[in-house]
Amino acid sequence: MRLQPDAKGAGGDDGPSWKRAAFFWAACVLCGAALVRPLTKAVPLFARAADIETFHIVAHLFLYGTLALLIDRGLRRRPVVAGALGMLVGLAQETVQVVLAGRGLGLPELFDLGVDATAITAALSLRRWVSAAPHTPRILK
């Protein structure tokens, strides 16, 4: 997916392209949630990685930090809405996992949602801090 330059030619400020990227990323996150259980059964290396809590946390930080930035950019800098939509995807992802596992939401899912909220808050705060700095490339603003 190529992000088109805006009318001024500065690059990357086309809302619809960023929205498509955010939608694609969210779809990948949700599909990944559906595939975690079968992959951990079929691929021993994947099962070992899934058992490492640090790997699990870093994966959530990356997935949801990236998602928040894509949504925020697609909505033309509306961080509160971006954060809420990111958490909605997180809740959907945890729901997909527990439904496929045949159980209800519990403390592990609440922990994951807390990590997701941390990732979203950190990413949006960092983006705001970077965009306020002098000489920031326009794509980061």
N, C-alpha and C. Protein backbone atom coordinates (compact mmCIF):
# COMPACT_ATOMS: atom_id res chain seq x y z
N MET A 1 0.85 -1.17 0.00
CA MET A 1 0.00 0.00 0.00
C MET A 1 0.89 1.24 0.00
N ARG A 2 0.72 2.06 -0.98
CA ARG A 2 1.52 3.28 -1.10
C ARG A 2 0.74 4.45 -0.54
N LEU A 3 1.36 5.20 0.38
CA LEU A 3 0.71 6.37 0.93
C LEU A 3 0.97 7.54 0.00
N GLN A 4 -0.09 8.10 -0.54
CA GLN A 4 0.01 9.16 -1.53
C GLN A 4 0.36 10.49 -0.88
N PRO A 5 1.11 11.34 -1.57
CA PRO A 5 1.37 12.68 -1.04
C PRO A 5 0.10 13.53 -1.06
N ASP A 6 0.06 14.51 -0.16
CA ASP A 6 -1.10 15.40 -0.15
C ASP A 6 -0.98 16.42 -1.27
N ALA A 7 -1.95 17.31 -1.36
CA ALA A 7 -2.00 18.28 -2.46
C ALA A 7 -0.77 19.19 -2.48
N LYS A 8 -0.16 19.41 -1.32
CA LYS A 8 1.01 20.27 -1.25
C LYS A 8 2.28 19.51 -1.62
N GLY A 9 2.17 18.21 -1.78
CA GLY A 9 3.32 17.42 -2.19
C GLY A 9 4.28 17.07 -1.06
N ALA A 10 3.88 17.31 0.19
CA ALA A 10 4.78 17.05 1.30
C ALA A 10 4.83 15.57 1.67
N GLY A 11 3.86 14.81 1.24
CA GLY A 11 3.90 13.37 1.45
C GLY A 11 3.19 12.90 2.69
N GLY A 12 2.38 11.87 2.52
CA GLY A 12 1.82 11.13 3.62
C GLY A 12 0.67 11.75 4.38
N ASP A 13 0.02 12.80 3.90
CA ASP A 13 -1.05 13.41 4.68
C ASP A 13 -2.42 13.13 4.07
N ASP A 14 -2.52 12.13 3.23
CA ASP A 14 -3.78 11.77 2.60
C ASP A 14 -4.58 10.92 3.57
N GLY A 15 -5.62 11.50 4.16
CA GLY A 15 -6.43 10.81 5.16
C GLY A 15 -6.94 9.45 4.72
N PRO A 16 -7.55 9.32 3.53
CA PRO A 16 -8.07 8.02 3.12
C PRO A 16 -6.99 6.93 3.04
N SER A 17 -5.79 7.25 2.59
CA SER A 17 -4.72 6.24 2.54
C SER A 17 -4.34 5.78 3.93
N TRP A 18 -4.26 6.70 4.87
CA TRP A 18 -3.93 6.34 6.25
C TRP A 18 -5.07 5.55 6.87
N LYS A 19 -6.31 5.89 6.53
CA LYS A 19 -7.45 5.12 7.04
C LYS A 19 -7.41 3.69 6.53
N ARG A 20 -7.09 3.53 5.25
CA ARG A 20 -6.97 2.17 4.69
C ARG A 20 -5.86 1.40 5.38
N ALA A 21 -4.75 2.06 5.63
CA ALA A 21 -3.64 1.40 6.32
C ALA A 21 -4.05 0.98 7.73
N ALA A 22 -4.78 1.86 8.44
CA ALA A 22 -5.24 1.54 9.80
C ALA A 22 -6.22 0.37 9.76
N PHE A 23 -7.14 0.39 8.80
CA PHE A 23 -8.11 -0.69 8.68
C PHE A 23 -7.40 -2.01 8.38
N PHE A 24 -6.44 -1.99 7.46
CA PHE A 24 -5.67 -3.19 7.11
C PHE A 24 -4.92 -3.72 8.33
N TRP A 25 -4.29 -2.82 9.09
CA TRP A 25 -3.52 -3.22 10.29
C TRP A 25 -4.47 -3.85 11.32
N ALA A 26 -5.63 -3.22 11.54
CA ALA A 26 -6.59 -3.76 12.50
C ALA A 26 -7.08 -5.14 12.05
N ALA A 27 -7.33 -5.30 10.76
CA ALA A 27 -7.76 -6.60 10.24
C ALA A 27 -6.68 -7.66 10.45
N CYS A 28 -5.43 -7.27 10.25
CA CYS A 28 -4.32 -8.21 10.48
C CYS A 28 -4.22 -8.61 11.95
N VAL A 29 -4.42 -7.64 12.83
CA VAL A 29 -4.39 -7.93 14.28
C VAL A 29 -5.49 -8.93 14.63
N LEU A 30 -6.69 -8.69 14.12
CA LEU A 30 -7.81 -9.58 14.44
C LEU A 30 -7.64 -10.97 13.81
N CYS A 31 -7.13 -11.02 12.59
CA CYS A 31 -6.86 -12.32 11.97
C CYS A 31 -5.76 -13.05 12.72
N GLY A 32 -4.75 -12.31 13.14
CA GLY A 32 -3.67 -12.90 13.94
C GLY A 32 -4.20 -13.49 15.23
N ALA A 33 -5.16 -12.80 15.85
CA ALA A 33 -5.75 -13.30 17.09
C ALA A 33 -6.45 -14.64 16.85
N ALA A 34 -7.10 -14.75 15.71
CA ALA A 34 -7.79 -16.00 15.38
C ALA A 34 -6.82 -17.13 15.08
N LEU A 35 -5.61 -16.78 14.62
CA LEU A 35 -4.64 -17.81 14.24
C LEU A 35 -3.66 -18.20 15.34
N VAL A 36 -3.64 -17.47 16.45
CA VAL A 36 -2.67 -17.75 17.51
C VAL A 36 -2.80 -19.17 18.02
N ARG A 37 -3.99 -19.57 18.36
CA ARG A 37 -4.19 -20.90 18.93
C ARG A 37 -3.78 -22.02 17.96
N PRO A 38 -4.26 -22.01 16.69
CA PRO A 38 -3.83 -23.07 15.77
C PRO A 38 -2.32 -23.06 15.51
N LEU A 39 -1.74 -21.86 15.44
CA LEU A 39 -0.29 -21.79 15.18
C LEU A 39 0.53 -22.33 16.35
N THR A 40 0.09 -22.05 17.57
CA THR A 40 0.85 -22.56 18.72
C THR A 40 0.78 -24.08 18.80
N LYS A 41 -0.29 -24.67 18.27
CA LYS A 41 -0.39 -26.13 18.24
C LYS A 41 0.43 -26.73 17.10
N ALA A 42 0.52 -26.03 15.98
CA ALA A 42 1.16 -26.59 14.78
C ALA A 42 2.65 -26.29 14.68
N VAL A 43 3.09 -25.16 15.22
CA VAL A 43 4.48 -24.73 15.04
C VAL A 43 5.17 -24.62 16.41
N PRO A 44 6.08 -25.53 16.73
CA PRO A 44 6.72 -25.51 18.04
C PRO A 44 7.46 -24.20 18.35
N LEU A 45 8.12 -23.62 17.36
CA LEU A 45 8.83 -22.37 17.59
C LEU A 45 7.86 -21.25 17.97
N PHE A 46 6.72 -21.21 17.30
CA PHE A 46 5.70 -20.22 17.61
C PHE A 46 5.16 -20.44 19.02
N ALA A 47 4.97 -21.71 19.39
CA ALA A 47 4.48 -22.04 20.73
C ALA A 47 5.47 -21.56 21.80
N ARG A 48 6.77 -21.76 21.55
CA ARG A 48 7.78 -21.30 22.51
C ARG A 48 7.77 -19.78 22.64
N ALA A 49 7.67 -19.09 21.51
CA ALA A 49 7.64 -17.62 21.54
C ALA A 49 6.39 -17.13 22.27
N ALA A 50 5.26 -17.78 22.04
CA ALA A 50 4.00 -17.37 22.69
C ALA A 50 4.05 -17.57 24.19
N ASP A 51 4.87 -18.51 24.66
CA ASP A 51 4.99 -18.77 26.10
C ASP A 51 5.87 -17.75 26.82
N ILE A 52 6.63 -16.97 26.07
CA ILE A 52 7.52 -15.98 26.69
C ILE A 52 6.72 -14.69 26.90
N GLU A 53 6.48 -14.35 28.15
CA GLU A 53 5.63 -13.19 28.46
C GLU A 53 6.20 -11.89 27.92
N THR A 54 7.52 -11.75 27.95
CA THR A 54 8.14 -10.53 27.42
C THR A 54 7.84 -10.38 25.93
N PHE A 55 7.93 -11.47 25.19
CA PHE A 55 7.62 -11.45 23.76
C PHE A 55 6.16 -11.02 23.55
N HIS A 56 5.28 -11.58 24.35
CA HIS A 56 3.86 -11.27 24.28
C HIS A 56 3.61 -9.77 24.53
N ILE A 57 4.25 -9.22 25.54
CA ILE A 57 4.08 -7.80 25.87
C ILE A 57 4.62 -6.92 24.75
N VAL A 58 5.82 -7.23 24.27
CA VAL A 58 6.42 -6.43 23.20
C VAL A 58 5.55 -6.49 21.94
N ALA A 59 4.99 -7.65 21.65
CA ALA A 59 4.11 -7.78 20.48
C ALA A 59 2.89 -6.87 20.62
N HIS A 60 2.26 -6.87 21.80
CA HIS A 60 1.11 -5.99 22.01
C HIS A 60 1.50 -4.51 21.92
N LEU A 61 2.65 -4.16 22.48
CA LEU A 61 3.11 -2.77 22.41
C LEU A 61 3.28 -2.33 20.96
N PHE A 62 3.93 -3.18 20.16
CA PHE A 62 4.16 -2.87 18.76
C PHE A 62 2.84 -2.79 17.98
N LEU A 63 2.00 -3.81 18.13
CA LEU A 63 0.75 -3.87 17.37
C LEU A 63 -0.16 -2.69 17.66
N TYR A 64 -0.35 -2.38 18.93
CA TYR A 64 -1.32 -1.33 19.29
C TYR A 64 -0.73 0.06 19.23
N GLY A 65 0.56 0.22 19.43
CA GLY A 65 1.18 1.53 19.21
C GLY A 65 1.10 1.91 17.76
N THR A 66 1.40 0.97 16.88
CA THR A 66 1.32 1.21 15.44
C THR A 66 -0.12 1.49 15.02
N LEU A 67 -1.04 0.69 15.53
CA LEU A 67 -2.45 0.89 15.19
C LEU A 67 -2.92 2.29 15.59
N ALA A 68 -2.57 2.73 16.79
CA ALA A 68 -2.99 4.06 17.26
C ALA A 68 -2.45 5.16 16.36
N LEU A 69 -1.20 5.04 15.95
CA LEU A 69 -0.61 6.06 15.08
C LEU A 69 -1.28 6.09 13.71
N LEU A 70 -1.59 4.92 13.17
CA LEU A 70 -2.27 4.87 11.87
C LEU A 70 -3.68 5.45 11.95
N ILE A 71 -4.41 5.09 13.00
CA ILE A 71 -5.76 5.62 13.15
C ILE A 71 -5.71 7.13 13.34
N ASP A 72 -4.81 7.59 14.20
CA ASP A 72 -4.69 9.02 14.46
C ASP A 72 -4.38 9.78 13.18
N ARG A 73 -3.48 9.25 12.38
CA ARG A 73 -3.12 9.91 11.13
C ARG A 73 -4.29 9.90 10.15
N GLY A 74 -5.02 8.79 10.10
CA GLY A 74 -6.17 8.70 9.21
C GLY A 74 -7.30 9.63 9.61
N LEU A 75 -7.40 9.91 10.90
CA LEU A 75 -8.45 10.82 11.38
C LEU A 75 -7.96 12.25 11.48
N ARG A 76 -6.80 12.51 10.92
CA ARG A 76 -6.22 13.86 10.90
C ARG A 76 -6.06 14.43 12.31
N ARG A 77 -5.37 13.67 13.13
CA ARG A 77 -4.97 14.11 14.47
C ARG A 77 -6.12 14.27 15.45
N ARG A 78 -6.79 13.19 15.71
CA ARG A 78 -7.83 13.17 16.74
C ARG A 78 -7.46 12.06 17.70
N PRO A 79 -6.50 12.33 18.61
CA PRO A 79 -5.95 11.27 19.45
C PRO A 79 -6.94 10.59 20.39
N VAL A 80 -7.92 11.31 20.89
CA VAL A 80 -8.89 10.68 21.79
C VAL A 80 -9.71 9.64 21.03
N VAL A 81 -10.15 9.99 19.85
CA VAL A 81 -10.92 9.05 19.02
C VAL A 81 -10.01 7.89 18.60
N ALA A 82 -8.77 8.20 18.23
CA ALA A 82 -7.83 7.15 17.83
C ALA A 82 -7.59 6.17 18.98
N GLY A 83 -7.43 6.70 20.18
CA GLY A 83 -7.22 5.84 21.35
C GLY A 83 -8.43 4.96 21.62
N ALA A 84 -9.62 5.54 21.52
CA ALA A 84 -10.84 4.77 21.76
C ALA A 84 -11.01 3.67 20.71
N LEU A 85 -10.75 4.00 19.45
CA LEU A 85 -10.86 2.98 18.39
C LEU A 85 -9.80 1.90 18.56
N GLY A 86 -8.61 2.28 18.95
CA GLY A 86 -7.55 1.30 19.21
C GLY A 86 -7.94 0.34 20.32
N MET A 87 -8.54 0.87 21.39
CA MET A 87 -8.98 0.01 22.49
C MET A 87 -10.14 -0.88 22.07
N LEU A 88 -10.98 -0.37 21.18
CA LEU A 88 -12.08 -1.19 20.66
C LEU A 88 -11.54 -2.39 19.88
N VAL A 89 -10.50 -2.16 19.09
CA VAL A 89 -9.85 -3.26 18.37
C VAL A 89 -9.23 -4.23 19.38
N GLY A 90 -8.61 -3.70 20.43
CA GLY A 90 -8.02 -4.55 21.46
C GLY A 90 -9.06 -5.43 22.13
N LEU A 91 -10.21 -4.85 22.46
CA LEU A 91 -11.29 -5.62 23.06
C LEU A 91 -11.80 -6.69 22.09
N ALA A 92 -11.91 -6.32 20.82
CA ALA A 92 -12.35 -7.29 19.81
C ALA A 92 -11.34 -8.43 19.69
N GLN A 93 -10.06 -8.09 19.73
CA GLN A 93 -9.02 -9.11 19.62
C GLN A 93 -9.07 -10.08 20.80
N GLU A 94 -9.22 -9.55 22.00
CA GLU A 94 -9.30 -10.42 23.18
C GLU A 94 -10.57 -11.27 23.14
N THR A 95 -11.66 -10.71 22.65
CA THR A 95 -12.92 -11.45 22.54
C THR A 95 -12.78 -12.60 21.55
N VAL A 96 -12.14 -12.34 20.41
CA VAL A 96 -11.91 -13.40 19.42
C VAL A 96 -11.12 -14.54 20.07
N GLN A 97 -10.09 -14.19 20.81
CA GLN A 97 -9.26 -15.23 21.42
C GLN A 97 -10.02 -16.06 22.45
N VAL A 98 -10.81 -15.41 23.31
CA VAL A 98 -11.51 -16.18 24.34
C VAL A 98 -12.66 -17.00 23.75
N VAL A 99 -13.31 -16.48 22.72
CA VAL A 99 -14.39 -17.25 22.08
C VAL A 99 -13.81 -18.51 21.43
N LEU A 100 -12.69 -18.35 20.74
CA LEU A 100 -12.06 -19.51 20.10
C LEU A 100 -11.50 -20.50 21.12
N ALA A 101 -11.14 -19.99 22.30
CA ALA A 101 -10.63 -20.86 23.36
C ALA A 101 -11.77 -21.49 24.16
N GLY A 102 -12.99 -20.97 23.98
CA GLY A 102 -14.14 -21.53 24.67
C GLY A 102 -14.20 -21.15 26.14
N ARG A 103 -13.79 -19.95 26.47
CA ARG A 103 -13.85 -19.49 27.86
C ARG A 103 -14.24 -18.01 27.88
N GLY A 104 -14.34 -17.45 29.07
CA GLY A 104 -14.72 -16.05 29.21
C GLY A 104 -13.52 -15.15 29.42
N LEU A 105 -13.78 -13.83 29.39
CA LEU A 105 -12.72 -12.86 29.66
C LEU A 105 -12.26 -13.00 31.10
N GLY A 106 -10.96 -12.89 31.31
CA GLY A 106 -10.40 -13.02 32.65
C GLY A 106 -9.25 -12.06 32.86
N LEU A 107 -8.46 -12.31 33.90
CA LEU A 107 -7.33 -11.44 34.22
C LEU A 107 -6.28 -11.36 33.12
N PRO A 108 -5.96 -12.44 32.42
CA PRO A 108 -4.98 -12.33 31.33
C PRO A 108 -5.42 -11.34 30.24
N GLU A 109 -6.71 -11.35 29.94
CA GLU A 109 -7.22 -10.44 28.92
C GLU A 109 -7.21 -8.99 29.42
N LEU A 110 -7.52 -8.81 30.70
CA LEU A 110 -7.45 -7.46 31.28
C LEU A 110 -6.02 -6.95 31.28
N PHE A 111 -5.07 -7.83 31.54
CA PHE A 111 -3.65 -7.44 31.49
C PHE A 111 -3.28 -7.01 30.07
N ASP A 112 -3.69 -7.81 29.07
CA ASP A 112 -3.41 -7.46 27.68
C ASP A 112 -4.02 -6.12 27.31
N LEU A 113 -5.26 -5.86 27.75
CA LEU A 113 -5.90 -4.58 27.46
C LEU A 113 -5.15 -3.43 28.13
N GLY A 114 -4.59 -3.69 29.32
CA GLY A 114 -3.77 -2.67 29.97
C GLY A 114 -2.50 -2.37 29.18
N VAL A 115 -1.88 -3.42 28.64
CA VAL A 115 -0.69 -3.23 27.80
C VAL A 115 -1.08 -2.48 26.53
N ASP A 116 -2.22 -2.83 25.95
CA ASP A 116 -2.69 -2.13 24.75
C ASP A 116 -2.90 -0.64 25.04
N ALA A 117 -3.54 -0.34 26.17
CA ALA A 117 -3.79 1.06 26.55
C ALA A 117 -2.47 1.80 26.76
N THR A 118 -1.49 1.13 27.35
CA THR A 118 -0.17 1.74 27.56
C THR A 118 0.49 2.03 26.22
N ALA A 119 0.41 1.09 25.29
CA ALA A 119 1.01 1.27 23.96
C ALA A 119 0.35 2.43 23.22
N ILE A 120 -0.96 2.48 23.26
CA ILE A 120 -1.70 3.54 22.57
C ILE A 120 -1.36 4.90 23.15
N THR A 121 -1.38 5.00 24.48
CA THR A 121 -1.07 6.27 25.14
C THR A 121 0.36 6.71 24.85
N ALA A 122 1.30 5.78 24.95
CA ALA A 122 2.71 6.11 24.70
C ALA A 122 2.94 6.55 23.26
N ALA A 123 2.36 5.83 22.31
CA ALA A 123 2.55 6.16 20.89
C ALA A 123 1.97 7.53 20.56
N LEU A 124 0.75 7.79 21.01
CA LEU A 124 0.12 9.07 20.71
C LEU A 124 0.82 10.22 21.42
N SER A 125 1.30 9.99 22.64
CA SER A 125 2.04 11.02 23.37
C SER A 125 3.38 11.31 22.69
N LEU A 126 4.06 10.25 22.27
CA LEU A 126 5.34 10.43 21.58
C LEU A 126 5.15 11.16 20.26
N ARG A 127 4.11 10.82 19.51
CA ARG A 127 3.83 11.51 18.26
C ARG A 127 3.57 12.99 18.49
N ARG A 128 2.82 13.29 19.55
CA ARG A 128 2.54 14.70 19.86
C ARG A 128 3.83 15.44 20.24
N TRP A 129 4.67 14.79 21.04
CA TRP A 129 5.92 15.40 21.47
C TRP A 129 6.85 15.63 20.27
N VAL A 130 6.96 14.62 19.40
CA VAL A 130 7.83 14.74 18.23
C VAL A 130 7.32 15.80 17.27
N SER A 131 6.01 15.86 17.06
CA SER A 131 5.46 16.82 16.11
C SER A 131 5.58 18.25 16.60
N ALA A 132 5.73 18.44 17.91
CA ALA A 132 5.88 19.79 18.46
C ALA A 132 7.33 20.27 18.38
N ALA A 133 8.26 19.37 18.12
CA ALA A 133 9.68 19.74 18.07
C ALA A 133 9.97 20.52 16.79
N PRO A 134 10.91 21.48 16.88
CA PRO A 134 11.28 22.21 15.67
C PRO A 134 11.99 21.27 14.67
N HIS A 135 11.84 21.55 13.42
CA HIS A 135 12.49 20.80 12.33
C HIS A 135 12.03 19.34 12.25
N THR A 136 10.81 19.07 12.66
CA THR A 136 10.26 17.74 12.53
C THR A 136 9.82 17.51 11.09
N PRO A 137 10.20 16.39 10.48
CA PRO A 137 9.72 16.12 9.12
C PRO A 137 8.20 16.15 9.08
N ARG A 138 7.62 16.66 8.02
CA ARG A 138 6.17 16.86 7.93
C ARG A 138 5.40 15.55 8.10
N ILE A 139 5.94 14.44 7.68
CA ILE A 139 5.21 13.17 7.80
C ILE A 139 4.99 12.80 9.27
N LEU A 140 5.84 13.28 10.18
CA LEU A 140 5.68 12.99 11.59
C LEU A 140 4.78 13.99 12.31
N LYS A 141 4.45 15.09 11.65
CA LYS A 141 3.63 16.11 12.32
C LYS A 141 2.17 15.76 12.28
